[in-house]
Amino acid sequence: MDSSSPSRSRRIAPVVAMAAAVALTLAGCSSSSGGKKSEESAGGASAGKASTPQMTVALVTHQSPGDTFWDIVRKGAEAAAAKDNVKLVYSADPSAGGQANLVQNAIDQKVDGIAVTLAKPDALKDVIAKATAAKIPVVGLNSGVSEWKKLGLLEFFGQDETVAGEALGNKLNSLGSKKAVCVIQEQGNIGLTQRCDGVKKTFSGSIENLYVNGTDMPSVKSTITAKLSQDKAVDHVVTLGAPIALTAAQSVSDAGSKAKIATFDLNKDLTGAISKGTVELAVDQQPYLQGYLAIDSLWLYKNNGNYMGGGEQPVLTGPAFVDKSNVDAVAAYAAKGTR
């Protein structure tokens, strides 16, 4: 964690302790490849240690095809499901309307709980209200920290993207950066916009947003390469996901640029890039923990009436910086697909 932000430290301290207390026992589970729109049961997760009757929970995300970040979220969810005797049904669609339809499907199936991401909260407002009316508890994770209470969710698990962006802006200042670009791979995603806005708020240099199509990596590479070739003064490229960061590193090389890569989010390949120095640092929001706590919280609510964060405050899982000074401690977990 970045210790330069005392206000953020005060906000995170209580909930970090709570999250640590809940996540004492983690069971490993395999995760299939990312990007499937259709619903699928989390097969292979055997009944766990809980003696409570089995409950069914739907995890509905805005995962894009091929985005392996969500495999980490899903692994955490599967570990909690195995421990809590929960049947986990995972589904995803990057389109707001498609995701809303998946939530409606979960309501129609009369699940015992729903965990949902709120990348485009306005599109989910009505269907979440339907779930609440059907007395299905709903929790949020990953995206929507500024919207979850407005939509009537019980709890939220994730990173305050504005705070994370502000922390990265301060970090860039400490590194002596003067000019940066922030690469946004999905227009309309509120969390991604908040990250870049947060960086801009605290960064003392100049920064501009660069929009790319995150589902088309050759296009991402060519767009970043063109920008770096045109503007040699750019000394940092801020990316908002590990796959984009790895592609940006190739663009830096192709453009003959001296820019460094600072990114949000981790995966196995990115920890290797940090070790090699092709990526300077990452902001880790601990997606495994987000998935784990979202499912575990619904079990706790059903079986003991608990609210993490008291139902009033989000449970923050980040941000924390990963760079060459601490990447070795994280890499072993990333290799297992849990960081």
Foldseek 3Di string as FASTA:
>chain_A
DDPPDPVVCVQAVVLVVVLCVLPVDFDFDAFDFDAAADKDWRPPQAAADAPDDEFEEEEEELDHHRALLVSLLVRLLSRLCNHLNYTYIYHHHNDLLSSLVVLVVCVVVVGQEYEYEPQPVVSNLVSLVVCVVSVRAYEYEAHDQPNCVVSPHQAYEWAPLLVQLLSVLVVCVVVVFAEEEEEDQDPSRVSSVSNPVSNVVNHPHYYYYDYHHPVDLVRLLVSLLVVCLVDLSHAEYEYEEDVSQVSNLVSCVVSVHNHAYEYEDDALVVLVCLQVRSHFKYWHQQSSSRSNCRNNQSSCCVPPVDGRVRSPHHNGSDTDMDHNVCSVVVNVCRVSSND
